[in-house]
Amino acid sequence: MKDQNFFQKVYEVARQIPYGRVTSYGAIARYLGTARSARMVGWAMNGSIKNGDIPAHRVVNRNGLLSGKHHFGGTHLMQQLLENEGIEVIDDQVVYFQKHFWDPSVELDYYI
């Protein structure tokens, strides 16, 4: 149950990532006050693919790599979704990552 509550908090943050922006697993973890739980955020995002209202494609690793791409059906769907939003991806990495980076700790007013 505790993990489920954490996962729900992760999903609430992910739902707020703006179109054309990306964030990282670690940034979400820091926002939630659990800075050392980036891997747990990754597990939450992996499980969110089945839920159509969570833009999991906008969550990448701390270097802008599409580390969760294999959870998108073994295709290049994650890259295609990002490119459809104007985010260039080369070799599974977001180009100009800092330009597109959205930090929930800066952008959101309160903790979920």
C-alpha atoms as a PDB file:
ATOM      1  CA  MET A   1       0.000   0.000   0.000  1.00  0.00           C
ATOM      2  CA  LYS A   2       2.838   2.380   0.842  1.00  0.00           C
ATOM      3  CA  ASP A   3       4.367   1.814  -2.613  1.00  0.00           C
ATOM      4  CA  GLN A   4       0.993   2.362  -4.250  1.00  0.00           C
ATOM      5  CA  ASN A   5       0.671   5.742  -2.553  1.00  0.00           C
ATOM      6  CA  PHE A   6       4.176   6.656  -3.710  1.00  0.00           C
ATOM      7  CA  PHE A   7       3.358   5.527  -7.248  1.00  0.00           C
ATOM      8  CA  GLN A   8       0.219   7.673  -7.249  1.00  0.00           C
ATOM      9  CA  LYS A   9       2.271  10.701  -6.192  1.00  0.00           C
ATOM     10  CA  VAL A  10       4.733   9.997  -9.020  1.00  0.00           C
ATOM     11  CA  TYR A  11       1.845   9.817 -11.489  1.00  0.00           C
ATOM     12  CA  GLU A  12       0.420  13.122 -10.256  1.00  0.00           C
ATOM     13  CA  VAL A  13       3.771  14.832 -10.888  1.00  0.00           C
ATOM     14  CA  ALA A  14       4.184  13.173 -14.289  1.00  0.00           C
ATOM     15  CA  ARG A  15       0.719  14.334 -15.368  1.00  0.00           C
ATOM     16  CA  GLN A  16       1.889  17.914 -14.860  1.00  0.00           C
ATOM     17  CA  ILE A  17       4.947  17.739 -17.133  1.00  0.00           C
ATOM     18  CA  PRO A  18       4.157  20.236 -19.888  1.00  0.00           C
ATOM     19  CA  TYR A  19       3.933  19.301 -23.544  1.00  0.00           C
ATOM     20  CA  GLY A  20       7.361  19.678 -25.155  1.00  0.00           C
ATOM     21  CA  ARG A  21       9.261  19.285 -21.869  1.00  0.00           C
ATOM     22  CA  VAL A  22      10.963  16.384 -20.092  1.00  0.00           C
ATOM     23  CA  THR A  23      12.020  15.632 -16.547  1.00  0.00           C
ATOM     24  CA  SER A  24      14.075  12.948 -14.867  1.00  0.00           C
ATOM     25  CA  TYR A  25      13.333  10.169 -12.433  1.00  0.00           C
ATOM     26  CA  GLY A  26      15.598  11.872  -9.908  1.00  0.00           C
ATOM     27  CA  ALA A  27      13.883  15.257 -10.275  1.00  0.00           C
ATOM     28  CA  ILE A  28      10.535  13.662  -9.477  1.00  0.00           C
ATOM     29  CA  ALA A  29      12.051  11.821  -6.499  1.00  0.00           C
ATOM     30  CA  ARG A  30      13.598  15.045  -5.149  1.00  0.00           C
ATOM     31  CA  TYR A  31      10.296  16.881  -5.525  1.00  0.00           C
ATOM     32  CA  LEU A  32       8.548  14.175  -3.527  1.00  0.00           C
ATOM     33  CA  GLY A  33      11.142  14.466  -0.760  1.00  0.00           C
ATOM     34  CA  THR A  34      12.705  11.087  -1.497  1.00  0.00           C
ATOM     35  CA  ALA A  35      15.845  12.083  -3.367  1.00  0.00           C
ATOM     36  CA  ARG A  36      17.384   8.615  -3.219  1.00  0.00           C
ATOM     37  CA  SER A  37      14.393   6.876  -4.794  1.00  0.00           C
ATOM     38  CA  ALA A  38      14.887   7.644  -8.494  1.00  0.00           C
ATOM     39  CA  ARG A  39      14.847   3.916  -9.241  1.00  0.00           C
ATOM     40  CA  MET A  40      11.481   3.587  -7.517  1.00  0.00           C
ATOM     41  CA  VAL A  41      10.180   6.440  -9.676  1.00  0.00           C
ATOM     42  CA  GLY A  42      11.410   4.439 -12.670  1.00  0.00           C
ATOM     43  CA  TRP A  43       9.454   1.401 -11.516  1.00  0.00           C
ATOM     44  CA  ALA A  44       6.369   3.560 -11.118  1.00  0.00           C
ATOM     45  CA  MET A  45       6.790   4.969 -14.614  1.00  0.00           C
ATOM     46  CA  ASN A  46       7.295   1.487 -16.080  1.00  0.00           C
ATOM     47  CA  GLY A  47       3.953   0.475 -14.635  1.00  0.00           C
ATOM     48  CA  SER A  48       2.231   3.599 -15.914  1.00  0.00           C
ATOM     49  CA  ILE A  49       2.478   2.731 -19.599  1.00  0.00           C
ATOM     50  CA  LYS A  50      -0.879   0.919 -19.408  1.00  0.00           C
ATOM     51  CA  ASN A  51      -2.513   4.082 -18.073  1.00  0.00           C
ATOM     52  CA  GLY A  52      -3.088   6.389 -21.023  1.00  0.00           C
ATOM     53  CA  ASP A  53      -3.252   9.640 -19.064  1.00  0.00           C
ATOM     54  CA  ILE A  54       0.335   9.582 -17.778  1.00  0.00           C
ATOM     55  CA  PRO A  55       2.915  11.008 -20.222  1.00  0.00           C
ATOM     56  CA  ALA A  56       5.616   8.495 -19.268  1.00  0.00           C
ATOM     57  CA  HIS A  57       7.526   9.306 -22.454  1.00  0.00           C
ATOM     58  CA  ARG A  58       8.449  12.677 -20.884  1.00  0.00           C
ATOM     59  CA  VAL A  59      10.442  11.058 -18.061  1.00  0.00           C
ATOM     60  CA  VAL A  60      14.040  10.215 -18.902  1.00  0.00           C
ATOM     61  CA  ASN A  61      17.210   9.584 -16.946  1.00  0.00           C
ATOM     62  CA  ARG A  62      19.427  12.317 -15.495  1.00  0.00           C
ATOM     63  CA  ASN A  63      21.434  12.570 -18.712  1.00  0.00           C
ATOM     64  CA  GLY A  64      18.424  12.776 -21.006  1.00  0.00           C
ATOM     65  CA  LEU A  65      18.668   9.150 -22.116  1.00  0.00           C
ATOM     66  CA  LEU A  66      15.489   7.294 -23.032  1.00  0.00           C
ATOM     67  CA  SER A  67      16.258   4.587 -20.498  1.00  0.00           C
ATOM     68  CA  GLY A  68      12.617   3.450 -20.315  1.00  0.00           C
ATOM     69  CA  LYS A  69      12.128   3.069 -24.055  1.00  0.00           C
ATOM     70  CA  HIS A  70      11.863  -0.724 -23.936  1.00  0.00           C
ATOM     71  CA  HIS A  71       8.622  -0.351 -21.967  1.00  0.00           C
ATOM     72  CA  PHE A  72       6.993   1.223 -25.019  1.00  0.00           C
ATOM     73  CA  GLY A  73       6.467  -2.030 -26.883  1.00  0.00           C
ATOM     74  CA  GLY A  74       9.995  -2.569 -28.185  1.00  0.00           C
ATOM     75  CA  THR A  75       9.551   0.130 -30.815  1.00  0.00           C
ATOM     76  CA  HIS A  76      10.783   3.686 -31.137  1.00  0.00           C
ATOM     77  CA  LEU A  77       7.471   4.935 -29.768  1.00  0.00           C
ATOM     78  CA  MET A  78       9.012   6.883 -26.879  1.00  0.00           C
ATOM     79  CA  GLN A  79      11.283   8.748 -29.291  1.00  0.00           C
ATOM     80  CA  GLN A  80       8.421   9.350 -31.724  1.00  0.00           C
ATOM     81  CA  LEU A  81       6.197  10.766 -28.989  1.00  0.00           C
ATOM     82  CA  LEU A  82       8.930  13.163 -27.884  1.00  0.00           C
ATOM     83  CA  GLU A  83       9.699  14.195 -31.459  1.00  0.00           C
ATOM     84  CA  ASN A  84       5.981  14.838 -32.036  1.00  0.00           C
ATOM     85  CA  GLU A  85       6.286  17.399 -29.216  1.00  0.00           C
ATOM     86  CA  GLY A  86       9.273  19.095 -30.839  1.00  0.00           C
ATOM     87  CA  ILE A  87      11.985  17.399 -28.772  1.00  0.00           C
ATOM     88  CA  GLU A  88      14.874  16.150 -30.876  1.00  0.00           C
ATOM     89  CA  VAL A  89      16.299  12.751 -29.950  1.00  0.00           C
ATOM     90  CA  ILE A  90      19.545  11.363 -31.337  1.00  0.00           C
ATOM     91  CA  ASP A  91      20.938   7.972 -30.326  1.00  0.00           C
ATOM     92  CA  ASP A  92      18.264   7.598 -27.633  1.00  0.00           C
ATOM     93  CA  GLN A  93      19.223  10.893 -25.982  1.00  0.00           C
ATOM     94  CA  VAL A  94      17.312  14.169 -25.766  1.00  0.00           C
ATOM     95  CA  VAL A  95      19.200  16.876 -27.655  1.00  0.00           C
ATOM     96  CA  TYR A  96      19.510  20.125 -25.671  1.00  0.00           C
ATOM     97  CA  PHE A  97      18.300  18.289 -22.568  1.00  0.00           C
ATOM     98  CA  GLN A  98      18.688  21.304 -20.257  1.00  0.00           C
ATOM     99  CA  LYS A  99      16.605  23.454 -22.609  1.00  0.00           C
ATOM    100  CA  HIS A 100      13.721  20.983 -22.413  1.00  0.00           C
ATOM    101  CA  PHE A 101      14.202  20.042 -18.761  1.00  0.00           C
ATOM    102  CA  TRP A 102      11.262  20.683 -16.437  1.00  0.00           C
ATOM    103  CA  ASP A 103      12.090  20.645 -12.732  1.00  0.00           C
ATOM    104  CA  PRO A 104       9.000  20.046 -10.584  1.00  0.00           C
ATOM    105  CA  SER A 105      10.786  21.476  -7.535  1.00  0.00           C
ATOM    106  CA  VAL A 106      11.018  24.801  -9.348  1.00  0.00           C
ATOM    107  CA  GLU A 107       7.839  24.712 -11.409  1.00  0.00           C
ATOM    108  CA  LEU A 108       5.288  23.380  -8.909  1.00  0.00           C
ATOM    109  CA  ASP A 109       4.136  25.433  -5.967  1.00  0.00           C
ATOM    110  CA  TYR A 110       3.526  22.676  -3.426  1.00  0.00           C
ATOM    111  CA  TYR A 111       4.274  19.067  -2.637  1.00  0.00           C
ATOM    112  CA  ILE A 112       1.791  16.490  -3.756  1.00  0.00           C
END
